[in-house]
Amino acid sequence: MHDTLRTRDNLTLHLEQWPAGGERRGTVLIVHGLGEHIGRYAGLAAVLNAQGWNVVGYDQRGHGRSTGPKGRLRQADDLLQDLAQVIDHVRATAPAPLILLGHSMGGLICARFVAEEFAEDRASWYRAVSALVLSSPALDPGMSRLQRGLLALLGPLAPNLPVNNGLKPAWISRDPTVVQAYRSDPYVHDRISPRLVRFILDGGAWVQAQATQWRLPTLLLYAGSDRCVSPAGSAAFSAAAPAAVVQTQVFPAMFHEIFNEPERDTVIAALTRWLDTRA
C-alpha cells in the first residue's frame, strides 16, 4: 500500500505500508539508510508480516520516490522532523506498540531521535516510542582526518554542496545478486553534502554521550566486517549502554547490509526472537 505525507517545508514523502493479516502484534517503522529507499525492505517486511507485525516505511527526503535534492538538508534537524511527522501519521491507524528499526544512517537517525529524551529542553519533534532496533547504525562513519579536514573547510562555505558519498556497492553485501540489484536500481543514489555529514557526526556523538543512561529497550545488530560505517561506533555504544536495556549481537564476517547477507536468516531470526519479547 502506498501513501504520501507533506513535510513542514512542503516536500512529499513516499510511504509504504505492509499490513499484517489477522491479529497484529504491533507496528515496526523502518527507516532506511543513505542513498537507498524503502522498497529494498519489502522482503524483510514480508517476514515480519508473517510473524504478525504491521510494517511501515518511507523514502527519506531526497531518496527514492520522495521529493527534495539528493543528499542535502535545508535544516540540520530535517530528518528528525520528518520522522516525527511519519510517527504521528502512522500512529493514527497502526497498532501499538510502535518499534523503530533503523539501518545505517537510518539507525543513526532513530538513535538520535530516541536520545532526545535526555535533552534538558527537548525538541518539538521528540516522540516516545516503545522500542528500538539498530542495524549497522552509522554511530561512527569512520571518517579519516583528511575527510574531517575537508568537512571543516567546506561546511561553512558550501554546506549543501552535493558530492559522492564514497561508498562502493561491493561493500554492502557478500551476495553478488544483492550488489548487482543495488547497482541497477534507479532509485539508489550516491550523493551527500557537508551539512548531512555534520548531522551524522554530531548525532553519533550525542548518542554515544547518552549511552550510559539509555532506557529504551534496544536491539543492536551490526556487521563486524563493515566498510560503509565503522563497527567501532556500535561496539562503543554497546559497551557503554546498560546490558539489561541494550541487547547486542555482532556478526563478525558480515558486510554492511546484514539483512541482505547470505546468512540473512540468522540475522532475521535474532530480530524476530527479540520482537517476540516486545509484542
C-alpha atoms as a PDB file:
ATOM      1  CA  MET A   1       0.000   0.000   0.000  1.00  0.00           C
ATOM      2  CA  HIS A   2       1.300   3.436  -0.938  1.00  0.00           C
ATOM      3  CA  ASP A   3       0.735   6.719   0.839  1.00  0.00           C
ATOM      4  CA  THR A   4       2.248  10.214   0.879  1.00  0.00           C
ATOM      5  CA  LEU A   5       2.949  12.829   3.505  1.00  0.00           C
ATOM      6  CA  ARG A   6       3.817  16.524   3.199  1.00  0.00           C
ATOM      7  CA  THR A   7       6.754  17.784   5.253  1.00  0.00           C
ATOM      8  CA  ARG A   8       6.911  21.130   7.065  1.00  0.00           C
ATOM      9  CA  ASP A   9       8.877  22.548   4.089  1.00  0.00           C
ATOM     10  CA  ASN A  10       6.395  21.198   1.544  1.00  0.00           C
ATOM     11  CA  LEU A  11       8.246  18.135   0.286  1.00  0.00           C
ATOM     12  CA  THR A  12       6.399  14.901  -0.459  1.00  0.00           C
ATOM     13  CA  LEU A  13       7.459  11.781   1.429  1.00  0.00           C
ATOM     14  CA  HIS A  14       6.592   8.434  -0.158  1.00  0.00           C
ATOM     15  CA  LEU A  15       5.296   5.902   2.398  1.00  0.00           C
ATOM     16  CA  GLU A  16       4.929   2.139   2.061  1.00  0.00           C
ATOM     17  CA  GLN A  17       2.651   0.080   4.276  1.00  0.00           C
ATOM     18  CA  TRP A  18       2.796  -3.693   4.575  1.00  0.00           C
ATOM     19  CA  PRO A  19      -0.153  -4.651   6.810  1.00  0.00           C
ATOM     20  CA  ALA A  20      -0.094  -7.995   8.559  1.00  0.00           C
ATOM     21  CA  GLY A  21      -3.091 -10.256   8.196  1.00  0.00           C
ATOM     22  CA  GLY A  22      -5.096 -11.455  11.171  1.00  0.00           C
ATOM     23  CA  GLU A  23      -4.279 -10.358  14.694  1.00  0.00           C
ATOM     24  CA  ARG A  24      -1.483  -7.788  14.694  1.00  0.00           C
ATOM     25  CA  ARG A  25       1.166  -7.731  17.396  1.00  0.00           C
ATOM     26  CA  GLY A  26       2.280  -4.153  16.785  1.00  0.00           C
ATOM     27  CA  THR A  27       3.987  -1.958  14.205  1.00  0.00           C
ATOM     28  CA  VAL A  28       7.590  -1.810  13.005  1.00  0.00           C
ATOM     29  CA  LEU A  29       8.551   1.503  11.376  1.00  0.00           C
ATOM     30  CA  ILE A  30      11.608   1.087   9.120  1.00  0.00           C
ATOM     31  CA  VAL A  31      13.996   3.988   8.450  1.00  0.00           C
ATOM     32  CA  HIS A  32      16.367   3.231   5.555  1.00  0.00           C
ATOM     33  CA  GLY A  33      19.980   4.240   5.013  1.00  0.00           C
ATOM     34  CA  LEU A  34      21.854   6.798   2.933  1.00  0.00           C
ATOM     35  CA  GLY A  35      21.267   6.684  -0.814  1.00  0.00           C
ATOM     36  CA  GLU A  36      18.749   3.829  -0.804  1.00  0.00           C
ATOM     37  CA  HIS A  37      14.960   3.602  -0.450  1.00  0.00           C
ATOM     38  CA  ILE A  38      12.269   1.768   1.482  1.00  0.00           C
ATOM     39  CA  GLY A  39      11.381  -0.571  -1.402  1.00  0.00           C
ATOM     40  CA  ARG A  40      14.571  -2.514  -0.663  1.00  0.00           C
ATOM     41  CA  TYR A  41      12.960  -3.694   2.609  1.00  0.00           C
ATOM     42  CA  ALA A  42       9.954  -5.464   1.074  1.00  0.00           C
ATOM     43  CA  GLY A  43      11.488  -8.885   1.775  1.00  0.00           C
ATOM     44  CA  LEU A  44      12.093  -8.097   5.443  1.00  0.00           C
ATOM     45  CA  ALA A  45       8.589  -6.652   5.710  1.00  0.00           C
ATOM     46  CA  ALA A  46       7.123  -9.894   4.351  1.00  0.00           C
ATOM     47  CA  VAL A  47       8.923 -11.912   7.035  1.00  0.00           C
ATOM     48  CA  LEU A  48       7.710  -9.583   9.775  1.00  0.00           C
ATOM     49  CA  ASN A  49       4.165  -9.683   8.371  1.00  0.00           C
ATOM     50  CA  ALA A  50       4.236 -13.459   8.655  1.00  0.00           C
ATOM     51  CA  GLN A  51       5.125 -13.016  12.329  1.00  0.00           C
ATOM     52  CA  GLY A  52       2.087 -10.760  12.843  1.00  0.00           C
ATOM     53  CA  TRP A  53       3.844  -7.387  12.666  1.00  0.00           C
ATOM     54  CA  ASN A  54       2.413  -4.466  10.754  1.00  0.00           C
ATOM     55  CA  VAL A  55       5.275  -2.791   8.838  1.00  0.00           C
ATOM     56  CA  VAL A  56       5.549   0.796   7.632  1.00  0.00           C
ATOM     57  CA  GLY A  57       8.423   2.644   5.988  1.00  0.00           C
ATOM     58  CA  TYR A  58       9.142   5.752   3.963  1.00  0.00           C
ATOM     59  CA  ASP A  59      11.599   7.154   1.476  1.00  0.00           C
ATOM     60  CA  GLN A  60      13.530   9.874   3.269  1.00  0.00           C
ATOM     61  CA  ARG A  61      13.667  13.314   1.682  1.00  0.00           C
ATOM     62  CA  GLY A  62      15.796  13.281  -1.452  1.00  0.00           C
ATOM     63  CA  HIS A  63      15.610   9.479  -1.624  1.00  0.00           C
ATOM     64  CA  GLY A  64      13.586   7.041  -3.685  1.00  0.00           C
ATOM     65  CA  ARG A  65      10.181   8.393  -4.683  1.00  0.00           C
ATOM     66  CA  SER A  66      10.234  11.265  -2.175  1.00  0.00           C
ATOM     67  CA  THR A  67      10.981  14.776  -3.374  1.00  0.00           C
ATOM     68  CA  GLY A  68      13.882  17.015  -2.387  1.00  0.00           C
ATOM     69  CA  PRO A  69      17.502  17.409  -3.513  1.00  0.00           C
ATOM     70  CA  LYS A  70      19.632  14.282  -3.123  1.00  0.00           C
ATOM     71  CA  GLY A  71      21.933  14.170  -0.121  1.00  0.00           C
ATOM     72  CA  ARG A  72      21.057  17.668   1.096  1.00  0.00           C
ATOM     73  CA  LEU A  73      19.321  19.170   4.132  1.00  0.00           C
ATOM     74  CA  ARG A  74      17.596  22.528   4.467  1.00  0.00           C
ATOM     75  CA  GLN A  75      17.925  22.475   8.259  1.00  0.00           C
ATOM     76  CA  ALA A  76      20.125  20.286  10.442  1.00  0.00           C
ATOM     77  CA  ASP A  77      17.105  18.589  12.051  1.00  0.00           C
ATOM     78  CA  ASP A  78      15.117  17.939   8.836  1.00  0.00           C
ATOM     79  CA  LEU A  79      15.417  14.162   9.067  1.00  0.00           C
ATOM     80  CA  LEU A  80      14.302  14.161  12.706  1.00  0.00           C
ATOM     81  CA  GLN A  81      11.345  16.420  11.947  1.00  0.00           C
ATOM     82  CA  ASP A  82      10.368  14.106   9.080  1.00  0.00           C
ATOM     83  CA  LEU A  83      10.492  11.044  11.326  1.00  0.00           C
ATOM     84  CA  ALA A  84       8.256  12.765  13.878  1.00  0.00           C
ATOM     85  CA  GLN A  85       5.677  13.528  11.179  1.00  0.00           C
ATOM     86  CA  VAL A  86       5.748   9.938   9.954  1.00  0.00           C
ATOM     87  CA  ILE A  87       5.297   8.639  13.519  1.00  0.00           C
ATOM     88  CA  ASP A  88       2.278  10.904  14.033  1.00  0.00           C
ATOM     89  CA  HIS A  89       0.821   9.746  10.713  1.00  0.00           C
ATOM     90  CA  VAL A  90       1.409   6.063  11.460  1.00  0.00           C
ATOM     91  CA  ARG A  91       0.025   6.216  14.985  1.00  0.00           C
ATOM     92  CA  ALA A  92      -3.321   7.420  13.673  1.00  0.00           C
ATOM     93  CA  THR A  93      -4.041   3.999  12.162  1.00  0.00           C
ATOM     94  CA  ALA A  94      -1.332   1.470  13.075  1.00  0.00           C
ATOM     95  CA  PRO A  95      -1.490  -0.881  16.074  1.00  0.00           C
ATOM     96  CA  ALA A  96       0.771  -0.360  19.090  1.00  0.00           C
ATOM     97  CA  PRO A  97       3.439  -0.958  20.243  1.00  0.00           C
ATOM     98  CA  LEU A  98       5.457   1.128  17.786  1.00  0.00           C
ATOM     99  CA  ILE A  99       9.036  -0.061  17.255  1.00  0.00           C
ATOM    100  CA  LEU A 100      11.614   1.872  15.241  1.00  0.00           C
ATOM    101  CA  LEU A 101      14.000  -0.137  13.047  1.00  0.00           C
ATOM    102  CA  GLY A 102      16.777   1.931  11.503  1.00  0.00           C
ATOM    103  CA  HIS A 103      19.556   0.763   9.204  1.00  0.00           C
ATOM    104  CA  SER A 104      22.878   2.601   8.740  1.00  0.00           C
ATOM    105  CA  MET A 105      22.095   6.338   8.508  1.00  0.00           C
ATOM    106  CA  GLY A 106      18.522   5.381   9.369  1.00  0.00           C
ATOM    107  CA  GLY A 107      19.861   3.748  12.534  1.00  0.00           C
ATOM    108  CA  LEU A 108      21.703   6.929  13.410  1.00  0.00           C
ATOM    109  CA  ILE A 109      18.521   8.954  12.828  1.00  0.00           C
ATOM    110  CA  CYS A 110      16.454   6.632  15.036  1.00  0.00           C
ATOM    111  CA  ALA A 111      19.054   6.564  17.802  1.00  0.00           C
ATOM    112  CA  ARG A 112      19.442  10.349  17.747  1.00  0.00           C
ATOM    113  CA  PHE A 113      15.644  10.703  17.780  1.00  0.00           C
ATOM    114  CA  VAL A 114      15.358   8.468  20.844  1.00  0.00           C
ATOM    115  CA  ALA A 115      18.323  10.114  22.598  1.00  0.00           C
ATOM    116  CA  GLU A 116      16.481  13.456  22.633  1.00  0.00           C
ATOM    117  CA  GLU A 117      14.781  12.025  25.729  1.00  0.00           C
ATOM    118  CA  PHE A 118      17.867  13.113  27.678  1.00  0.00           C
ATOM    119  CA  ALA A 119      17.978  16.717  26.434  1.00  0.00           C
ATOM    120  CA  GLU A 120      17.333  19.383  29.081  1.00  0.00           C
ATOM    121  CA  ASP A 121      14.974  21.187  26.707  1.00  0.00           C
ATOM    122  CA  ARG A 122      13.501  18.552  24.370  1.00  0.00           C
ATOM    123  CA  ALA A 123      12.955  19.490  20.750  1.00  0.00           C
ATOM    124  CA  SER A 124       9.388  19.781  19.492  1.00  0.00           C
ATOM    125  CA  TRP A 125       9.942  16.778  17.226  1.00  0.00           C
ATOM    126  CA  TYR A 126      10.616  14.357  20.085  1.00  0.00           C
ATOM    127  CA  ARG A 127       8.181  11.433  20.363  1.00  0.00           C
ATOM    128  CA  ALA A 128       8.358   8.493  22.743  1.00  0.00           C
ATOM    129  CA  VAL A 129       8.352   5.044  21.116  1.00  0.00           C
ATOM    130  CA  SER A 130       8.109   1.533  22.518  1.00  0.00           C
ATOM    131  CA  ALA A 131      11.447   0.053  21.452  1.00  0.00           C
ATOM    132  CA  LEU A 132      14.333   0.403  19.000  1.00  0.00           C
ATOM    133  CA  VAL A 133      16.226  -1.839  16.595  1.00  0.00           C
ATOM    134  CA  LEU A 134      19.558  -0.668  15.153  1.00  0.00           C
ATOM    135  CA  SER A 135      21.023  -2.403  12.101  1.00  0.00           C
ATOM    136  CA  SER A 136      24.677  -1.470  11.426  1.00  0.00           C
ATOM    137  CA  PRO A 137      23.945   2.093  12.604  1.00  0.00           C
ATOM    138  CA  ALA A 138      26.150   4.971  11.466  1.00  0.00           C
ATOM    139  CA  LEU A 139      27.166   5.914  15.009  1.00  0.00           C
ATOM    140  CA  ASP A 140      30.713   6.311  13.669  1.00  0.00           C
ATOM    141  CA  PRO A 141      31.002   6.925   9.905  1.00  0.00           C
ATOM    142  CA  GLY A 142      34.706   6.066  10.037  1.00  0.00           C
ATOM    143  CA  MET A 143      35.953   9.315   8.505  1.00  0.00           C
ATOM    144  CA  SER A 144      39.691   9.900   8.069  1.00  0.00           C
ATOM    145  CA  ARG A 145      41.497  13.022   9.286  1.00  0.00           C
ATOM    146  CA  LEU A 146      41.629  14.272   5.716  1.00  0.00           C
ATOM    147  CA  GLN A 147      37.882  13.857   5.302  1.00  0.00           C
ATOM    148  CA  ARG A 148      37.216  15.649   8.594  1.00  0.00           C
ATOM    149  CA  GLY A 149      39.519  18.453   7.499  1.00  0.00           C
ATOM    150  CA  LEU A 150      37.645  18.835   4.225  1.00  0.00           C
ATOM    151  CA  LEU A 151      34.363  18.893   6.135  1.00  0.00           C
ATOM    152  CA  ALA A 152      35.651  21.660   8.394  1.00  0.00           C
ATOM    153  CA  LEU A 153      36.637  23.632   5.283  1.00  0.00           C
ATOM    154  CA  LEU A 154      33.570  23.012   3.117  1.00  0.00           C
ATOM    155  CA  GLY A 155      30.923  23.020   5.839  1.00  0.00           C
ATOM    156  CA  PRO A 156      30.758  26.800   6.382  1.00  0.00           C
ATOM    157  CA  LEU A 157      31.435  27.649   2.719  1.00  0.00           C
ATOM    158  CA  ALA A 158      29.189  25.188   0.882  1.00  0.00           C
ATOM    159  CA  PRO A 159      27.020  23.255   3.382  1.00  0.00           C
ATOM    160  CA  ASN A 160      24.802  21.773   0.669  1.00  0.00           C
ATOM    161  CA  LEU A 161      27.408  21.051  -1.990  1.00  0.00           C
ATOM    162  CA  PRO A 162      26.458  17.585  -3.310  1.00  0.00           C
ATOM    163  CA  VAL A 163      29.434  15.223  -3.542  1.00  0.00           C
ATOM    164  CA  ASN A 164      29.947  11.487  -3.968  1.00  0.00           C
ATOM    165  CA  ASN A 165      29.468   9.647  -0.677  1.00  0.00           C
ATOM    166  CA  GLY A 166      32.489   7.424  -1.323  1.00  0.00           C
ATOM    167  CA  LEU A 167      30.634   4.188  -0.622  1.00  0.00           C
ATOM    168  CA  LYS A 168      31.232   1.285  -3.012  1.00  0.00           C
ATOM    169  CA  PRO A 169      28.293  -1.005  -3.875  1.00  0.00           C
ATOM    170  CA  ALA A 170      30.520  -4.041  -3.316  1.00  0.00           C
ATOM    171  CA  TRP A 171      30.744  -3.104   0.362  1.00  0.00           C
ATOM    172  CA  ILE A 172      27.046  -3.572   1.111  1.00  0.00           C
ATOM    173  CA  SER A 173      26.848  -7.384   0.858  1.00  0.00           C
ATOM    174  CA  ARG A 174      28.806 -10.536   0.057  1.00  0.00           C
ATOM    175  CA  ASP A 175      25.834 -11.664  -2.045  1.00  0.00           C
ATOM    176  CA  PRO A 176      26.603 -10.674  -5.667  1.00  0.00           C
ATOM    177  CA  THR A 177      22.915 -10.624  -6.623  1.00  0.00           C
ATOM    178  CA  VAL A 178      22.256  -8.000  -3.932  1.00  0.00           C
ATOM    179  CA  VAL A 179      25.152  -5.873  -5.179  1.00  0.00           C
ATOM    180  CA  GLN A 180      24.036  -6.112  -8.802  1.00  0.00           C
ATOM    181  CA  ALA A 181      20.459  -5.192  -7.908  1.00  0.00           C
ATOM    182  CA  TYR A 182      21.767  -2.194  -5.976  1.00  0.00           C
ATOM    183  CA  ARG A 183      23.919  -1.061  -8.915  1.00  0.00           C
ATOM    184  CA  SER A 184      20.997  -1.240 -11.347  1.00  0.00           C
ATOM    185  CA  ASP A 185      18.378   0.267  -9.018  1.00  0.00           C
ATOM    186  CA  PRO A 186      17.188   3.598 -10.479  1.00  0.00           C
ATOM    187  CA  TYR A 187      16.103   4.820  -7.036  1.00  0.00           C
ATOM    188  CA  VAL A 188      19.581   4.460  -5.476  1.00  0.00           C
ATOM    189  CA  HIS A 189      21.898   7.488  -5.438  1.00  0.00           C
ATOM    190  CA  ASP A 190      25.416   8.317  -4.198  1.00  0.00           C
ATOM    191  CA  ARG A 191      25.069  11.966  -3.101  1.00  0.00           C
ATOM    192  CA  ILE A 192      25.877  13.538   0.255  1.00  0.00           C
ATOM    193  CA  SER A 193      26.560  17.098   1.448  1.00  0.00           C
ATOM    194  CA  PRO A 194      28.695  18.637   4.236  1.00  0.00           C
ATOM    195  CA  ARG A 195      25.565  19.546   6.224  1.00  0.00           C
ATOM    196  CA  LEU A 196      24.338  15.955   6.124  1.00  0.00           C
ATOM    197  CA  VAL A 197      27.779  14.655   7.130  1.00  0.00           C
ATOM    198  CA  ARG A 198      27.825  17.105  10.022  1.00  0.00           C
ATOM    199  CA  PHE A 199      24.393  15.873  11.134  1.00  0.00           C
ATOM    200  CA  ILE A 200      25.686  12.276  11.143  1.00  0.00           C
ATOM    201  CA  LEU A 201      28.826  13.152  13.096  1.00  0.00           C
ATOM    202  CA  ASP A 202      27.039  15.311  15.659  1.00  0.00           C
ATOM    203  CA  GLY A 203      24.179  12.831  16.009  1.00  0.00           C
ATOM    204  CA  GLY A 204      26.538   9.924  16.623  1.00  0.00           C
ATOM    205  CA  ALA A 205      28.452  11.890  19.257  1.00  0.00           C
ATOM    206  CA  TRP A 206      25.209  12.820  21.048  1.00  0.00           C
ATOM    207  CA  VAL A 207      24.003   9.209  21.083  1.00  0.00           C
ATOM    208  CA  GLN A 208      27.327   7.949  22.434  1.00  0.00           C
ATOM    209  CA  ALA A 209      27.254  10.605  25.159  1.00  0.00           C
ATOM    210  CA  GLN A 210      23.837   9.342  26.347  1.00  0.00           C
ATOM    211  CA  ALA A 211      24.659   5.612  26.155  1.00  0.00           C
ATOM    212  CA  THR A 212      25.310   5.081  29.871  1.00  0.00           C
ATOM    213  CA  GLN A 213      21.793   6.252  30.788  1.00  0.00           C
ATOM    214  CA  TRP A 214      19.953   4.530  27.929  1.00  0.00           C
ATOM    215  CA  ARG A 215      16.467   3.423  28.992  1.00  0.00           C
ATOM    216  CA  LEU A 216      14.639   2.327  25.850  1.00  0.00           C
ATOM    217  CA  PRO A 217      14.673  -1.436  25.104  1.00  0.00           C
ATOM    218  CA  THR A 218      17.066  -1.707  22.161  1.00  0.00           C
ATOM    219  CA  LEU A 219      18.351  -4.457  19.907  1.00  0.00           C
ATOM    220  CA  LEU A 220      21.702  -3.646  18.303  1.00  0.00           C
ATOM    221  CA  LEU A 221      22.721  -5.849  15.364  1.00  0.00           C
ATOM    222  CA  TYR A 222      25.838  -4.936  13.435  1.00  0.00           C
ATOM    223  CA  ALA A 223      28.332  -6.203  10.888  1.00  0.00           C
ATOM    224  CA  GLY A 224      31.871  -6.877  12.070  1.00  0.00           C
ATOM    225  CA  SER A 225      33.366  -6.544   8.565  1.00  0.00           C
ATOM    226  CA  ASP A 226      31.572  -3.312   7.716  1.00  0.00           C
ATOM    227  CA  ARG A 227      33.345  -0.818   5.423  1.00  0.00           C
ATOM    228  CA  CYS A 228      30.402   1.559   4.963  1.00  0.00           C
ATOM    229  CA  VAL A 229      30.424   2.624   8.622  1.00  0.00           C
ATOM    230  CA  SER A 230      32.853   1.823  11.407  1.00  0.00           C
ATOM    231  CA  PRO A 231      31.797  -1.126  13.612  1.00  0.00           C
ATOM    232  CA  ALA A 232      33.681   0.626  16.410  1.00  0.00           C
ATOM    233  CA  GLY A 233      30.758   3.018  16.836  1.00  0.00           C
ATOM    234  CA  SER A 234      28.338   0.184  17.583  1.00  0.00           C
ATOM    235  CA  ALA A 235      30.879  -1.560  19.815  1.00  0.00           C
ATOM    236  CA  ALA A 236      31.438   1.601  21.861  1.00  0.00           C
ATOM    237  CA  PHE A 237      27.725   2.224  22.289  1.00  0.00           C
ATOM    238  CA  SER A 238      27.141  -1.386  23.331  1.00  0.00           C
ATOM    239  CA  ALA A 239      29.988  -1.297  25.855  1.00  0.00           C
ATOM    240  CA  ALA A 240      28.684   1.893  27.471  1.00  0.00           C
ATOM    241  CA  ALA A 241      24.946   1.146  27.489  1.00  0.00           C
ATOM    242  CA  PRO A 242      23.244  -0.891  30.246  1.00  0.00           C
ATOM    243  CA  ALA A 243      23.331  -4.556  29.213  1.00  0.00           C
ATOM    244  CA  ALA A 244      19.836  -5.095  30.590  1.00  0.00           C
ATOM    245  CA  VAL A 245      18.475  -2.481  28.178  1.00  0.00           C
ATOM    246  CA  VAL A 246      20.601  -2.864  25.041  1.00  0.00           C
ATOM    247  CA  GLN A 247      20.911  -6.387  23.656  1.00  0.00           C
ATOM    248  CA  THR A 248      23.760  -6.671  21.161  1.00  0.00           C
ATOM    249  CA  GLN A 249      24.766  -9.215  18.549  1.00  0.00           C
ATOM    250  CA  VAL A 250      27.692  -8.739  16.195  1.00  0.00           C
ATOM    251  CA  PHE A 251      28.129 -10.782  13.027  1.00  0.00           C
ATOM    252  CA  PRO A 252      31.921 -10.776  12.527  1.00  0.00           C
ATOM    253  CA  ALA A 253      32.123 -11.911   8.888  1.00  0.00           C
ATOM    254  CA  MET A 254      29.185  -9.921   7.546  1.00  0.00           C
ATOM    255  CA  PHE A 255      29.204  -6.797   5.400  1.00  0.00           C
ATOM    256  CA  HIS A 256      27.079  -3.705   5.984  1.00  0.00           C
ATOM    257  CA  GLU A 257      23.571  -4.848   4.989  1.00  0.00           C
ATOM    258  CA  ILE A 258      23.114  -7.681   7.444  1.00  0.00           C
ATOM    259  CA  PHE A 259      19.537  -8.340   6.296  1.00  0.00           C
ATOM    260  CA  ASN A 260      20.870  -8.865   2.758  1.00  0.00           C
ATOM    261  CA  GLU A 261      23.806 -11.135   3.526  1.00  0.00           C
ATOM    262  CA  PRO A 262      23.951 -14.853   2.554  1.00  0.00           C
ATOM    263  CA  GLU A 263      23.329 -15.682   6.238  1.00  0.00           C
ATOM    264  CA  ARG A 264      20.402 -13.257   6.488  1.00  0.00           C
ATOM    265  CA  ASP A 265      18.168 -15.938   8.047  1.00  0.00           C
ATOM    266  CA  THR A 266      20.387 -15.909  11.156  1.00  0.00           C
ATOM    267  CA  VAL A 267      20.004 -12.147  11.488  1.00  0.00           C
ATOM    268  CA  ILE A 268      16.257 -12.223  10.901  1.00  0.00           C
ATOM    269  CA  ALA A 269      15.894 -14.986  13.498  1.00  0.00           C
ATOM    270  CA  ALA A 270      17.684 -12.805  16.067  1.00  0.00           C
ATOM    271  CA  LEU A 271      15.356  -9.935  15.209  1.00  0.00           C
ATOM    272  CA  THR A 272      12.134 -11.937  15.420  1.00  0.00           C
ATOM    273  CA  ARG A 273      13.156 -13.572  18.718  1.00  0.00           C
ATOM    274  CA  TRP A 274      13.710 -10.154  20.241  1.00  0.00           C
ATOM    275  CA  LEU A 275      10.468  -8.792  18.785  1.00  0.00           C
ATOM    276  CA  ASP A 276       8.640 -11.673  20.464  1.00  0.00           C
ATOM    277  CA  THR A 277       9.616 -10.136  23.800  1.00  0.00           C
ATOM    278  CA  ARG A 278       8.193  -6.745  22.781  1.00  0.00           C
ATOM    279  CA  ALA A 279       4.770  -7.832  21.488  1.00  0.00           C
END
